Structures are given as structure tokens and as C-alpha cells.
């Protein structure tokens, strides 16, 4: 459900099919860059939500909804640093 007001033109709730927000990165991106992007994103999450309401769904608690895309090594580093366990099958990018 996309709640009314999520976008200025959305006056009513809108039932839809969709996925949680997530980013996909090339395995060739430098680990340090991916790590820095994640760190900056989460450090500025409140600001992101003020800019795009649907960003409120982009929280660490929703990581378990990814059951098929392996995590980039830079992302693994960030999530492990903050105490998140990533299933071994999704840490295959290492």
C-alpha cells in the first residue's frame, strides 16, 4: 500500500505490488566506495525521508527481505560493523 500523501499527487491510498527500496551495485565498484555510500545513507536517513517519504522503508530491519541478491563486500563490511548478520548464501560476493 502506498499511503495517500506519499507523493504530492497521490490523494488516496494506492494498492500496488512492489519491493522494498534497495540499491544494486556492480561487483566491480570499490569496496570502500560502497561502504561509504551506505554509511552516508544511514547517517542521513531522516534527511532522505524528508526528501522522499518512501525512504522510511529503507531501514536495516528490512534487510531480511532480500533473499536472492548477494551483498557487495563493501555492504557486508558496513552491516557487519553495525552488528547485522548476513546469511552466508548472500555473502557470496566476498
PDB file of N, CA and C in Angstrom:
ATOM      1  N   UNK A   1       0.843  -1.176   0.000  1.00  0.00           N
ATOM      2  CA  UNK A   1       0.000   0.000   0.000  1.00  0.00           C
ATOM      3  C   UNK A   1       0.891   1.243   0.000  1.00  0.00           C
ATOM      4  N   UNK A   2       0.661   2.122  -0.948  1.00  0.00           N
ATOM      5  CA  UNK A   2       1.343   3.411  -0.957  1.00  0.00           C
ATOM      6  C   UNK A   2       0.350   4.389  -0.344  1.00  0.00           C
ATOM      7  N   UNK A   3       0.634   4.931   0.838  1.00  0.00           N
ATOM      8  CA  UNK A   3      -0.319   5.798   1.524  1.00  0.00           C
ATOM      9  C   UNK A   3      -0.528   7.131   0.804  1.00  0.00           C
ATOM     10  N   UNK A   4      -1.757   7.619   0.888  1.00  0.00           N
ATOM     11  CA  UNK A   4      -2.067   8.949   0.354  1.00  0.00           C
ATOM     12  C   UNK A   4      -1.070   9.954   0.921  1.00  0.00           C
ATOM     13  N   UNK A   5      -0.624  10.869   0.073  1.00  0.00           N
ATOM     14  CA  UNK A   5       0.309  11.899   0.517  1.00  0.00           C
ATOM     15  C   UNK A   5       1.774  11.514   0.379  1.00  0.00           C
ATOM     16  N   UNK A   6       2.071  10.239   0.062  1.00  0.00           N
ATOM     17  CA  UNK A   6       3.460   9.841  -0.134  1.00  0.00           C
ATOM     18  C   UNK A   6       4.094  10.702  -1.217  1.00  0.00           C
ATOM     19  N   UNK A   7       3.325  10.956  -2.254  1.00  0.00           N
ATOM     20  CA  UNK A   7       3.705  11.878  -3.321  1.00  0.00           C
ATOM     21  C   UNK A   7       2.634  12.953  -3.375  1.00  0.00           C
ATOM     22  N   UNK A   8       2.992  14.157  -3.734  1.00  0.00           N
ATOM     23  CA  UNK A   8       2.030  15.265  -3.702  1.00  0.00           C
ATOM     24  C   UNK A   8       0.807  15.006  -4.572  1.00  0.00           C
ATOM     25  N   UNK A   9       0.943  14.224  -5.613  1.00  0.00           N
ATOM     26  CA  UNK A   9      -0.197  13.955  -6.493  1.00  0.00           C
ATOM     27  C   UNK A   9      -1.061  12.785  -6.017  1.00  0.00           C
ATOM     28  N   UNK A  10      -0.632  12.067  -4.995  1.00  0.00           N
ATOM     29  CA  UNK A  10      -1.359  10.881  -4.529  1.00  0.00           C
ATOM     30  C   UNK A  10      -2.336  11.274  -3.431  1.00  0.00           C
ATOM     31  N   UNK A  11      -3.603  11.394  -3.802  1.00  0.00           N
ATOM     32  CA  UNK A  11      -4.633  11.857  -2.868  1.00  0.00           C
ATOM     33  C   UNK A  11      -5.269  10.724  -2.069  1.00  0.00           C
ATOM     34  N   UNK A  12      -5.206   9.488  -2.577  1.00  0.00           N
ATOM     35  CA  UNK A  12      -5.793   8.328  -1.908  1.00  0.00           C
ATOM     36  C   UNK A  12      -4.732   7.245  -1.756  1.00  0.00           C
ATOM     37  N   UNK A  13      -4.971   6.299  -0.819  1.00  0.00           N
ATOM     38  CA  UNK A  13      -4.095   5.140  -0.719  1.00  0.00           C
ATOM     39  C   UNK A  13      -4.129   4.404  -2.054  1.00  0.00           C
ATOM     40  N   UNK A  14      -3.001   3.804  -2.419  1.00  0.00           N
ATOM     41  CA  UNK A  14      -2.906   3.127  -3.698  1.00  0.00           C
ATOM     42  C   UNK A  14      -2.332   1.730  -3.480  1.00  0.00           C
ATOM     43  N   UNK A  15      -3.160   0.714  -3.735  1.00  0.00           N
ATOM     44  CA  UNK A  15      -2.705  -0.671  -3.596  1.00  0.00           C
ATOM     45  C   UNK A  15      -1.848  -1.027  -4.799  1.00  0.00           C
ATOM     46  N   UNK A  16      -0.693  -1.626  -4.543  1.00  0.00           N
ATOM     47  CA  UNK A  16       0.229  -1.959  -5.618  1.00  0.00           C
ATOM     48  C   UNK A  16       1.080  -3.157  -5.231  1.00  0.00           C
ATOM     49  N   UNK A  17       1.793  -3.667  -6.167  1.00  0.00           N
ATOM     50  CA  UNK A  17       2.774  -4.711  -5.918  1.00  0.00           C
ATOM     51  C   UNK A  17       4.129  -4.037  -6.023  1.00  0.00           C
ATOM     52  N   UNK A  18       5.034  -4.359  -5.132  1.00  0.00           N
ATOM     53  CA  UNK A  18       6.340  -3.726  -5.203  1.00  0.00           C
ATOM     54  C   UNK A  18       7.339  -4.386  -4.283  1.00  0.00           C
ATOM     55  N   UNK A  19       8.549  -3.876  -4.335  1.00  0.00           N
ATOM     56  CA  UNK A  19       9.640  -4.336  -3.490  1.00  0.00           C
ATOM     57  C   UNK A  19      10.095  -3.195  -2.609  1.00  0.00           C
ATOM     58  N   UNK A  20      10.728  -3.546  -1.513  1.00  0.00           N
ATOM     59  CA  UNK A  20      11.321  -2.516  -0.678  1.00  0.00           C
ATOM     60  C   UNK A  20      12.454  -1.856  -1.450  1.00  0.00           C
ATOM     61  N   UNK A  21      12.731  -0.613  -1.110  1.00  0.00           N
ATOM     62  CA  UNK A  21      13.837   0.092  -1.750  1.00  0.00           C
ATOM     63  C   UNK A  21      15.146  -0.617  -1.431  1.00  0.00           C
ATOM     64  N   UNK A  22      15.945  -0.818  -2.440  1.00  0.00           N
ATOM     65  CA  UNK A  22      17.294  -1.292  -2.229  1.00  0.00           C
ATOM     66  C   UNK A  22      18.140  -0.893  -3.428  1.00  0.00           C
ATOM     67  N   UNK A  23      19.417  -0.847  -3.221  1.00  0.00           N
ATOM     68  CA  UNK A  23      20.317  -0.447  -4.296  1.00  0.00           C
ATOM     69  C   UNK A  23      21.060  -1.670  -4.800  1.00  0.00           C
ATOM     70  N   UNK A  24      21.319  -1.680  -6.071  1.00  0.00           N
ATOM     71  CA  UNK A  24      22.097  -2.745  -6.692  1.00  0.00           C
ATOM     72  C   UNK A  24      23.360  -2.094  -7.244  1.00  0.00           C
ATOM     73  N   UNK A  25      24.495  -2.686  -6.926  1.00  0.00           N
ATOM     74  CA  UNK A  25      25.779  -2.118  -7.355  1.00  0.00           C
ATOM     75  C   UNK A  25      26.595  -3.169  -8.079  1.00  0.00           C
ATOM     76  N   UNK A  26      27.397  -2.721  -8.985  1.00  0.00           N
ATOM     77  CA  UNK A  26      28.312  -3.613  -9.680  1.00  0.00           C
ATOM     78  C   UNK A  26      29.318  -4.195  -8.695  1.00  0.00           C
ATOM     79  N   UNK A  27      29.631  -5.452  -8.877  1.00  0.00           N
ATOM     80  CA  UNK A  27      30.650  -6.081  -8.029  1.00  0.00           C
ATOM     81  C   UNK A  27      32.015  -5.423  -8.240  1.00  0.00           C
ATOM     82  N   UNK A  28      32.149  -4.670  -9.326  1.00  0.00           N
ATOM     83  CA  UNK A  28      33.411  -4.018  -9.638  1.00  0.00           C
ATOM     84  C   UNK A  28      33.605  -2.681  -8.928  1.00  0.00           C
ATOM     85  N   UNK A  29      32.570  -2.176  -8.262  1.00  0.00           N
ATOM     86  CA  UNK A  29      32.734  -0.930  -7.506  1.00  0.00           C
ATOM     87  C   UNK A  29      33.689  -1.182  -6.340  1.00  0.00           C
ATOM     88  N   UNK A  30      34.519  -0.217  -6.017  1.00  0.00           N
ATOM     89  CA  UNK A  30      35.445  -0.383  -4.899  1.00  0.00           C
ATOM     90  C   UNK A  30      34.690  -0.606  -3.583  1.00  0.00           C
ATOM     91  N   UNK A  31      35.190  -1.532  -2.791  1.00  0.00           N
ATOM     92  CA  UNK A  31      34.560  -1.840  -1.509  1.00  0.00           C
ATOM     93  C   UNK A  31      34.408  -0.597  -0.635  1.00  0.00           C
ATOM     94  N   UNK A  32      35.459   0.235  -0.597  1.00  0.00           N
ATOM     95  CA  UNK A  32      35.420   1.433   0.246  1.00  0.00           C
ATOM     96  C   UNK A  32      34.332   2.404  -0.198  1.00  0.00           C
ATOM     97  N   UNK A  33      34.066   2.479  -1.496  1.00  0.00           N
ATOM     98  CA  UNK A  33      33.026   3.373  -2.007  1.00  0.00           C
ATOM     99  C   UNK A  33      31.637   2.892  -1.577  1.00  0.00           C
ATOM    100  N   UNK A  34      31.370   1.616  -1.741  1.00  0.00           N
ATOM    101  CA  UNK A  34      30.065   1.071  -1.348  1.00  0.00           C
ATOM    102  C   UNK A  34      29.865   1.229   0.151  1.00  0.00           C
ATOM    103  N   UNK A  35      30.898   0.946   0.920  1.00  0.00           N
ATOM    104  CA  UNK A  35      30.842   1.131   2.370  1.00  0.00           C
ATOM    105  C   UNK A  35      30.499   2.588   2.709  1.00  0.00           C
ATOM    106  N   UNK A  36      31.183   3.531   2.073  1.00  0.00           N
ATOM    107  CA  UNK A  36      30.957   4.959   2.353  1.00  0.00           C
ATOM    108  C   UNK A  36      29.546   5.398   1.962  1.00  0.00           C
ATOM    109  N   UNK A  37      29.033   4.870   0.865  1.00  0.00           N
ATOM    110  CA  UNK A  37      27.672   5.215   0.439  1.00  0.00           C
ATOM    111  C   UNK A  37      26.659   4.755   1.480  1.00  0.00           C
ATOM    112  N   UNK A  38      26.793   3.514   1.935  1.00  0.00           N
ATOM    113  CA  UNK A  38      25.862   3.003   2.950  1.00  0.00           C
ATOM    114  C   UNK A  38      25.964   3.788   4.249  1.00  0.00           C
ATOM    115  N   UNK A  39      27.170   4.054   4.661  1.00  0.00           N
ATOM    116  CA  UNK A  39      27.364   4.797   5.904  1.00  0.00           C
ATOM    117  C   UNK A  39      26.729   6.185   5.806  1.00  0.00           C
ATOM    118  N   UNK A  40      26.916   6.860   4.671  1.00  0.00           N
ATOM    119  CA  UNK A  40      26.326   8.186   4.469  1.00  0.00           C
ATOM    120  C   UNK A  40      24.799   8.104   4.399  1.00  0.00           C
ATOM    121  N   UNK A  41      24.285   7.086   3.715  1.00  0.00           N
ATOM    122  CA  UNK A  41      22.828   6.938   3.600  1.00  0.00           C
ATOM    123  C   UNK A  41      22.191   6.801   4.979  1.00  0.00           C
ATOM    124  N   UNK A  42      22.682   5.855   5.778  1.00  0.00           N
ATOM    125  CA  UNK A  42      22.066   5.627   7.084  1.00  0.00           C
ATOM    126  C   UNK A  42      22.311   6.789   8.047  1.00  0.00           C
ATOM    127  N   UNK A  43      23.443   7.462   7.933  1.00  0.00           N
ATOM    128  CA  UNK A  43      23.705   8.626   8.787  1.00  0.00           C
ATOM    129  C   UNK A  43      22.761   9.778   8.456  1.00  0.00           C
ATOM    130  N   UNK A  44      22.227   9.786   7.248  1.00  0.00           N
ATOM    131  CA  UNK A  44      21.339  10.857   6.795  1.00  0.00           C
ATOM    132  C   UNK A  44      19.935  10.353   6.492  1.00  0.00           C
ATOM    133  N   UNK A  45      19.543   9.255   7.117  1.00  0.00           N
ATOM    134  CA  UNK A  45      18.253   8.637   6.823  1.00  0.00           C
ATOM    135  C   UNK A  45      17.084   9.609   7.038  1.00  0.00           C
ATOM    136  N   UNK A  46      17.090  10.337   8.132  1.00  0.00           N
ATOM    137  CA  UNK A  46      15.999  11.287   8.394  1.00  0.00           C
ATOM    138  C   UNK A  46      15.882  12.320   7.276  1.00  0.00           C
ATOM    139  N   UNK A  47      16.998  12.784   6.804  1.00  0.00           N
ATOM    140  CA  UNK A  47      17.009  13.750   5.698  1.00  0.00           C
ATOM    141  C   UNK A  47      16.448  13.117   4.418  1.00  0.00           C
ATOM    142  N   UNK A  48      16.821  11.870   4.169  1.00  0.00           N
ATOM    143  CA  UNK A  48      16.298  11.156   2.997  1.00  0.00           C
ATOM    144  C   UNK A  48      14.779  11.038   3.074  1.00  0.00           C
ATOM    145  N   UNK A  49      14.257  10.702   4.251  1.00  0.00           N
ATOM    146  CA  UNK A  49      12.812  10.548   4.426  1.00  0.00           C
ATOM    147  C   UNK A  49      12.098  11.870   4.193  1.00  0.00           C
ATOM    148  N   UNK A  50      12.698  12.961   4.621  1.00  0.00           N
ATOM    149  CA  UNK A  50      12.079  14.271   4.379  1.00  0.00           C
ATOM    150  C   UNK A  50      12.018  14.586   2.884  1.00  0.00           C
ATOM    151  N   UNK A  51      12.967  14.060   2.126  1.00  0.00           N
ATOM    152  CA  UNK A  51      13.026  14.293   0.683  1.00  0.00           C
ATOM    153  C   UNK A  51      12.128  13.330  -0.079  1.00  0.00           C
ATOM    154  N   UNK A  52      12.102  12.074   0.342  1.00  0.00           N
ATOM    155  CA  UNK A  52      11.316  11.042  -0.325  1.00  0.00           C
ATOM    156  C   UNK A  52      10.690  10.153   0.751  1.00  0.00           C
ATOM    157  N   UNK A  53       9.400  10.294   0.964  1.00  0.00           N
ATOM    158  CA  UNK A  53       8.718   9.606   2.058  1.00  0.00           C
ATOM    159  C   UNK A  53       8.925   8.095   2.039  1.00  0.00           C
ATOM    160  N   UNK A  54       8.995   7.497   0.866  1.00  0.00           N
ATOM    161  CA  UNK A  54       9.149   6.039   0.803  1.00  0.00           C
ATOM    162  C   UNK A  54      10.501   5.575   1.332  1.00  0.00           C
ATOM    163  N   UNK A  55      11.445   6.473   1.517  1.00  0.00           N
ATOM    164  CA  UNK A  55      12.748   6.100   2.079  1.00  0.00           C
ATOM    165  C   UNK A  55      12.610   5.620   3.521  1.00  0.00           C
ATOM    166  N   UNK A  56      11.474   5.893   4.147  1.00  0.00           N
ATOM    167  CA  UNK A  56      11.274   5.433   5.519  1.00  0.00           C
ATOM    168  C   UNK A  56      11.297   3.906   5.605  1.00  0.00           C
ATOM    169  N   UNK A  57      11.067   3.239   4.476  1.00  0.00           N
ATOM    170  CA  UNK A  57      11.096   1.776   4.419  1.00  0.00           C
ATOM    171  C   UNK A  57      12.522   1.240   4.275  1.00  0.00           C
ATOM    172  N   UNK A  58      13.457   2.100   3.946  1.00  0.00           N
ATOM    173  CA  UNK A  58      14.848   1.670   3.749  1.00  0.00           C
ATOM    174  C   UNK A  58      15.573   1.689   5.081  1.00  0.00           C
ATOM    175  N   UNK A  59      15.329   0.649   5.847  1.00  0.00           N
ATOM    176  CA  UNK A  59      15.920   0.520   7.176  1.00  0.00           C
ATOM    177  C   UNK A  59      16.603  -0.839   7.289  1.00  0.00           C
ATOM    178  N   UNK A  60      17.558  -0.920   8.164  1.00  0.00           N
ATOM    179  CA  UNK A  60      18.317  -2.154   8.351  1.00  0.00           C
ATOM    180  C   UNK A  60      17.380  -3.321   8.674  1.00  0.00           C
ATOM    181  N   UNK A  61      16.305  -3.066   9.393  1.00  0.00           N
ATOM    182  CA  UNK A  61      15.373  -4.143   9.758  1.00  0.00           C
ATOM    183  C   UNK A  61      14.770  -4.837   8.541  1.00  0.00           C
ATOM    184  N   UNK A  62      14.774  -4.195   7.393  1.00  0.00           N
ATOM    185  CA  UNK A  62      14.203  -4.795   6.186  1.00  0.00           C
ATOM    186  C   UNK A  62      15.220  -5.576   5.354  1.00  0.00           C
ATOM    187  N   UNK A  63      16.459  -5.665   5.809  1.00  0.00           N
ATOM    188  CA  UNK A  63      17.471  -6.413   5.052  1.00  0.00           C
ATOM    189  C   UNK A  63      17.071  -7.865   4.849  1.00  0.00           C
ATOM    190  N   UNK A  64      16.325  -8.418   5.800  1.00  0.00           N
ATOM    191  CA  UNK A  64      15.944  -9.825   5.684  1.00  0.00           C
ATOM    192  C   UNK A  64      14.953 -10.072   4.548  1.00  0.00           C
ATOM    193  N   UNK A  65      14.471  -9.029   3.913  1.00  0.00           N
ATOM    194  CA  UNK A  65      13.569  -9.192   2.773  1.00  0.00           C
ATOM    195  C   UNK A  65      14.337  -9.495   1.484  1.00  0.00           C
ATOM    196  N   UNK A  66      15.634  -9.254   1.499  1.00  0.00           N
ATOM    197  CA  UNK A  66      16.468  -9.627   0.354  1.00  0.00           C
ATOM    198  C   UNK A  66      16.862 -11.084   0.549  1.00  0.00           C
ATOM    199  N   UNK A  67      16.320 -11.940  -0.303  1.00  0.00           N
ATOM    200  CA  UNK A  67      16.627 -13.366  -0.181  1.00  0.00           C
ATOM    201  C   UNK A  67      17.328 -13.910  -1.417  1.00  0.00           C
ATOM    202  N   UNK A  68      17.743 -13.007  -2.330  1.00  0.00           N
ATOM    203  CA  UNK A  68      18.295 -13.519  -3.580  1.00  0.00           C
ATOM    204  C   UNK A  68      19.482 -12.753  -4.147  1.00  0.00           C
ATOM    205  N   UNK A  69      19.730 -11.528  -3.758  1.00  0.00           N
ATOM    206  CA  UNK A  69      20.842 -10.760  -4.334  1.00  0.00           C
ATOM    207  C   UNK A  69      22.004 -10.741  -3.341  1.00  0.00           C
ATOM    208  N   UNK A  70      23.169 -11.264  -3.739  1.00  0.00           N
ATOM    209  CA  UNK A  70      24.324 -11.243  -2.830  1.00  0.00           C
ATOM    210  C   UNK A  70      24.736  -9.809  -2.492  1.00  0.00           C
ATOM    211  N   UNK A  71      25.207  -9.623  -1.292  1.00  0.00           N
ATOM    212  CA  UNK A  71      25.659  -8.312  -0.842  1.00  0.00           C
ATOM    213  C   UNK A  71      27.077  -8.043  -1.335  1.00  0.00           C
ATOM    214  N   UNK A  72      27.320  -6.824  -1.737  1.00  0.00           N
ATOM    215  CA  UNK A  72      28.649  -6.369  -2.144  1.00  0.00           C
ATOM    216  C   UNK A  72      29.565  -6.433  -0.910  1.00  0.00           C
ATOM    217  N   UNK A  73      30.841  -6.740  -1.088  1.00  0.00           N
ATOM    218  CA  UNK A  73      31.756  -6.784   0.059  1.00  0.00           C
ATOM    219  C   UNK A  73      31.775  -5.486   0.881  1.00  0.00           C
ATOM    220  N   UNK A  74      31.639  -4.338   0.230  1.00  0.00           N
ATOM    221  CA  UNK A  74      31.585  -3.075   0.974  1.00  0.00           C
ATOM    222  C   UNK A  74      30.341  -2.974   1.835  1.00  0.00           C
ATOM    223  N   UNK A  75      29.228  -3.499   1.333  1.00  0.00           N
ATOM    224  CA  UNK A  75      27.987  -3.519   2.112  1.00  0.00           C
ATOM    225  C   UNK A  75      28.119  -4.496   3.278  1.00  0.00           C
ATOM    226  N   UNK A  76      28.705  -5.645   3.011  1.00  0.00           N
ATOM    227  CA  UNK A  76      28.919  -6.622   4.093  1.00  0.00           C
ATOM    228  C   UNK A  76      29.732  -5.999   5.219  1.00  0.00           C
ATOM    229  N   UNK A  77      30.771  -5.282   4.850  1.00  0.00           N
ATOM    230  CA  UNK A  77      31.620  -4.633   5.860  1.00  0.00           C
ATOM    231  C   UNK A  77      30.796  -3.675   6.723  1.00  0.00           C
ATOM    232  N   UNK A  78      29.979  -2.846   6.059  1.00  0.00           N
ATOM    233  CA  UNK A  78      29.175  -1.877   6.813  1.00  0.00           C
ATOM    234  C   UNK A  78      28.191  -2.590   7.737  1.00  0.00           C
ATOM    235  N   UNK A  79      27.428  -3.520   7.189  1.00  0.00           N
ATOM    236  CA  UNK A  79      26.404  -4.182   8.006  1.00  0.00           C
ATOM    237  C   UNK A  79      27.016  -4.979   9.157  1.00  0.00           C
ATOM    238  N   UNK A  80      28.118  -5.639   8.897  1.00  0.00           N
ATOM    239  CA  UNK A  80      28.781  -6.375   9.990  1.00  0.00           C
ATOM    240  C   UNK A  80      29.300  -5.417  11.054  1.00  0.00           C
ATOM    241  N   UNK A  81      29.791  -4.267  10.609  1.00  0.00           N
ATOM    242  CA  UNK A  81      30.296  -3.263  11.554  1.00  0.00           C
ATOM    243  C   UNK A  81      29.204  -2.793  12.509  1.00  0.00           C
ATOM    244  N   UNK A  82      27.965  -2.715  12.032  1.00  0.00           N
ATOM    245  CA  UNK A  82      26.872  -2.267  12.898  1.00  0.00           C
ATOM    246  C   UNK A  82      26.143  -3.441  13.559  1.00  0.00           C
ATOM    247  N   UNK A  83      26.700  -4.655  13.401  1.00  0.00           N
ATOM    248  CA  UNK A  83      26.179  -5.810  14.116  1.00  0.00           C
ATOM    249  C   UNK A  83      25.098  -6.610  13.416  1.00  0.00           C
ATOM    250  N   UNK A  84      24.966  -6.454  12.105  1.00  0.00           N
ATOM    251  CA  UNK A  84      23.953  -7.192  11.348  1.00  0.00           C
ATOM    252  C   UNK A  84      24.581  -8.456  10.783  1.00  0.00           C
ATOM    253  N   UNK A  85      23.907  -9.589  10.991  1.00  0.00           N
ATOM    254  CA  UNK A  85      24.372 -10.843  10.416  1.00  0.00           C
ATOM    255  C   UNK A  85      23.729 -11.029   9.048  1.00  0.00           C
ATOM    256  N   UNK A  86      24.543 -11.273   8.057  1.00  0.00           N
ATOM    257  CA  UNK A  86      24.078 -11.531   6.693  1.00  0.00           C
ATOM    258  C   UNK A  86      24.209 -13.024   6.446  1.00  0.00           C
ATOM    259  N   UNK A  87      23.130 -13.679   5.952  1.00  0.00           N
ATOM    260  CA  UNK A  87      23.224 -15.115   5.679  1.00  0.00           C
ATOM    261  C   UNK A  87      24.391 -15.439   4.740  1.00  0.00           C
ATOM    262  N   UNK A  88      25.040 -16.556   4.987  1.00  0.00           N
ATOM    263  CA  UNK A  88      26.215 -16.954   4.202  1.00  0.00           C
ATOM    264  C   UNK A  88      25.916 -16.985   2.708  1.00  0.00           C
ATOM    265  N   UNK A  89      24.733 -17.423   2.330  1.00  0.00           N
ATOM    266  CA  UNK A  89      24.386 -17.504   0.899  1.00  0.00           C
ATOM    267  C   UNK A  89      24.362 -16.120   0.246  1.00  0.00           C
ATOM    268  N   UNK A  90      24.114 -15.071   1.013  1.00  0.00           N
ATOM    269  CA  UNK A  90      24.058 -13.714   0.473  1.00  0.00           C
ATOM    270  C   UNK A  90      25.380 -12.981   0.631  1.00  0.00           C
ATOM    271  N   UNK A  91      26.339 -13.640   1.277  1.00  0.00           N
ATOM    272  CA  UNK A  91      27.666 -13.047   1.438  1.00  0.00           C
ATOM    273  C   UNK A  91      28.634 -13.647   0.426  1.00  0.00           C
ATOM    274  N   UNK A  92      28.085 -14.278  -0.583  1.00  0.00           N
ATOM    275  CA  UNK A  92      28.905 -14.974  -1.583  1.00  0.00           C
ATOM    276  C   UNK A  92      29.785 -14.046  -2.405  1.00  0.00           C
ATOM    277  N   UNK A  93      29.502 -12.747  -2.389  1.00  0.00           N
ATOM    278  CA  UNK A  93      30.273 -11.806  -3.201  1.00  0.00           C
ATOM    279  C   UNK A  93      31.694 -11.618  -2.677  1.00  0.00           C
ATOM    280  N   UNK A  94      31.975 -12.151  -1.514  1.00  0.00           N
ATOM    281  CA  UNK A  94      33.306 -11.951  -0.922  1.00  0.00           C
ATOM    282  C   UNK A  94      34.389 -12.652  -1.685  1.00  0.00           C
TER     283      UNK A  94
END
